[in-house]
């Protein structure tokens, strides 16, 4: 019983950030509202890491002559994702943007 109480207390006192998955970017440098949301949300942070890993793999297997276009496309996608701050369901918008981009990259 004491172990259970101690565990409950430890969990209650643990920093919230300890439970969230870390996104692919440094949350200490997050300035945009959408980036801050991703840093606070374990599911979105997980989607961000999945996308970053997939993007890196696609980039690695893209001919050098086409990598610049892929990088430009990714920067455009990030700007579009960041526009989700305007959506009444910002979290839902960000999750949909990640899923759409992941699916798009998987199709390559």
Protein backbone atom coordinates (compact mmCIF):
# COMPACT_ATOMS: atom_id res chain seq x y z
CA UNK A 1 0.00 0.00 0.00
CA UNK A 2 2.83 2.42 0.84
CA UNK A 3 4.48 1.77 -2.55
CA UNK A 4 1.23 2.64 -4.29
CA UNK A 5 0.92 5.88 -2.33
CA UNK A 6 4.52 6.82 -3.03
CA UNK A 7 4.07 6.09 -6.73
CA UNK A 8 0.90 8.17 -6.86
CA UNK A 9 2.69 11.05 -5.15
CA UNK A 10 5.68 10.78 -7.49
CA UNK A 11 3.42 10.79 -10.53
CA UNK A 12 1.50 13.79 -9.26
CA UNK A 13 4.70 15.74 -8.69
CA UNK A 14 6.37 14.77 -11.98
CA UNK A 15 6.69 17.62 -14.46
CA UNK A 16 4.02 17.54 -17.14
CA UNK A 17 6.68 17.69 -19.86
CA UNK A 18 8.14 14.43 -18.64
CA UNK A 19 5.09 12.63 -20.00
CA UNK A 20 5.12 14.20 -23.46
CA UNK A 21 7.17 12.73 -26.25
CA UNK A 22 9.81 15.12 -27.50
CA UNK A 23 9.21 16.50 -30.99
CA UNK A 24 11.99 16.71 -33.55
CA UNK A 25 12.69 20.34 -32.70
CA UNK A 26 13.94 22.05 -29.54
CA UNK A 27 10.92 23.07 -27.48
CA UNK A 28 13.04 25.63 -25.62
CA UNK A 29 13.25 27.52 -28.92
CA UNK A 30 9.57 27.16 -29.82
CA UNK A 31 8.11 30.59 -30.52
CA UNK A 32 5.06 29.87 -32.65
CA UNK A 33 1.76 28.95 -31.01
CA UNK A 34 1.55 25.71 -33.01
CA UNK A 35 5.09 24.69 -32.00
CA UNK A 36 4.23 25.31 -28.35
CA UNK A 37 1.11 23.15 -28.73
CA UNK A 38 3.18 20.33 -30.24
CA UNK A 39 5.59 20.52 -27.31
CA UNK A 40 2.71 20.13 -24.84
CA UNK A 41 0.88 17.34 -26.67
CA UNK A 42 2.39 13.84 -26.65
CA UNK A 43 0.43 12.67 -29.70
CA UNK A 44 1.40 15.69 -31.80
CA UNK A 45 5.02 15.41 -30.66
CA UNK A 46 4.98 11.75 -31.70
CA UNK A 47 3.53 12.69 -35.11
CA UNK A 48 6.27 15.31 -35.47
CA UNK A 49 9.01 12.78 -34.76
CA UNK A 50 7.46 10.25 -37.13
CA UNK A 51 7.27 12.84 -39.87
CA UNK A 52 10.85 13.99 -39.25
CA UNK A 53 12.14 10.41 -39.49
CA UNK A 54 10.15 9.72 -42.65
CA UNK A 55 11.20 13.02 -44.23
CA UNK A 56 14.87 12.27 -43.50
CA UNK A 57 14.53 8.85 -45.12
CA UNK A 58 12.77 10.25 -48.20
CA UNK A 59 15.35 13.03 -48.48
CA UNK A 60 18.18 10.49 -48.25
CA UNK A 61 16.68 8.48 -51.11
CA UNK A 62 15.90 11.52 -53.27
CA UNK A 63 18.40 12.29 -56.01
CA UNK A 64 20.59 15.24 -55.06
CA UNK A 65 19.25 17.22 -58.01
CA UNK A 66 15.72 17.03 -56.52
CA UNK A 67 16.55 17.51 -52.84
CA UNK A 68 16.28 21.30 -53.02
CA UNK A 69 12.70 21.05 -54.29
CA UNK A 70 11.81 18.59 -51.51
CA UNK A 71 13.29 20.91 -48.87
CA UNK A 72 11.34 23.86 -50.28
CA UNK A 73 8.19 21.75 -50.25
CA UNK A 74 8.79 20.79 -46.60
CA UNK A 75 9.31 24.42 -45.57
CA UNK A 76 6.02 25.26 -47.30
CA UNK A 77 4.32 22.45 -45.44
CA UNK A 78 5.64 23.79 -42.11
CA UNK A 79 4.21 27.23 -42.93
CA UNK A 80 0.87 25.61 -43.74
CA UNK A 81 0.94 23.62 -40.49
CA UNK A 82 1.69 26.78 -38.58
CA UNK A 83 -1.40 28.40 -40.11
CA UNK A 84 -3.45 26.02 -37.98
CA UNK A 85 -3.33 28.66 -35.23
CA UNK A 86 -6.20 30.29 -37.16
CA UNK A 87 -8.38 27.17 -36.97
CA UNK A 88 -11.05 26.93 -34.27
CA UNK A 89 -9.74 23.39 -33.62
CA UNK A 90 -6.02 24.10 -33.73
CA UNK A 91 -5.03 20.70 -32.34
CA UNK A 92 -7.23 18.83 -34.79
CA UNK A 93 -5.90 20.90 -37.67
CA UNK A 94 -2.28 20.18 -36.72
CA UNK A 95 -2.98 16.45 -36.35
CA UNK A 96 -4.65 16.37 -39.78
CA UNK A 97 -1.76 18.28 -41.36
CA UNK A 98 0.76 15.81 -39.94
CA UNK A 99 -1.23 12.79 -41.07
CA UNK A 100 -1.68 14.21 -44.58
CA UNK A 101 2.05 14.97 -44.93
CA UNK A 102 3.04 11.56 -43.57
CA UNK A 103 0.72 9.87 -46.07
CA UNK A 104 2.06 12.07 -48.87
CA UNK A 105 5.67 11.15 -48.09
CA UNK A 106 4.84 7.45 -47.72
CA UNK A 107 3.42 7.49 -51.24
CA UNK A 108 6.81 8.49 -52.67
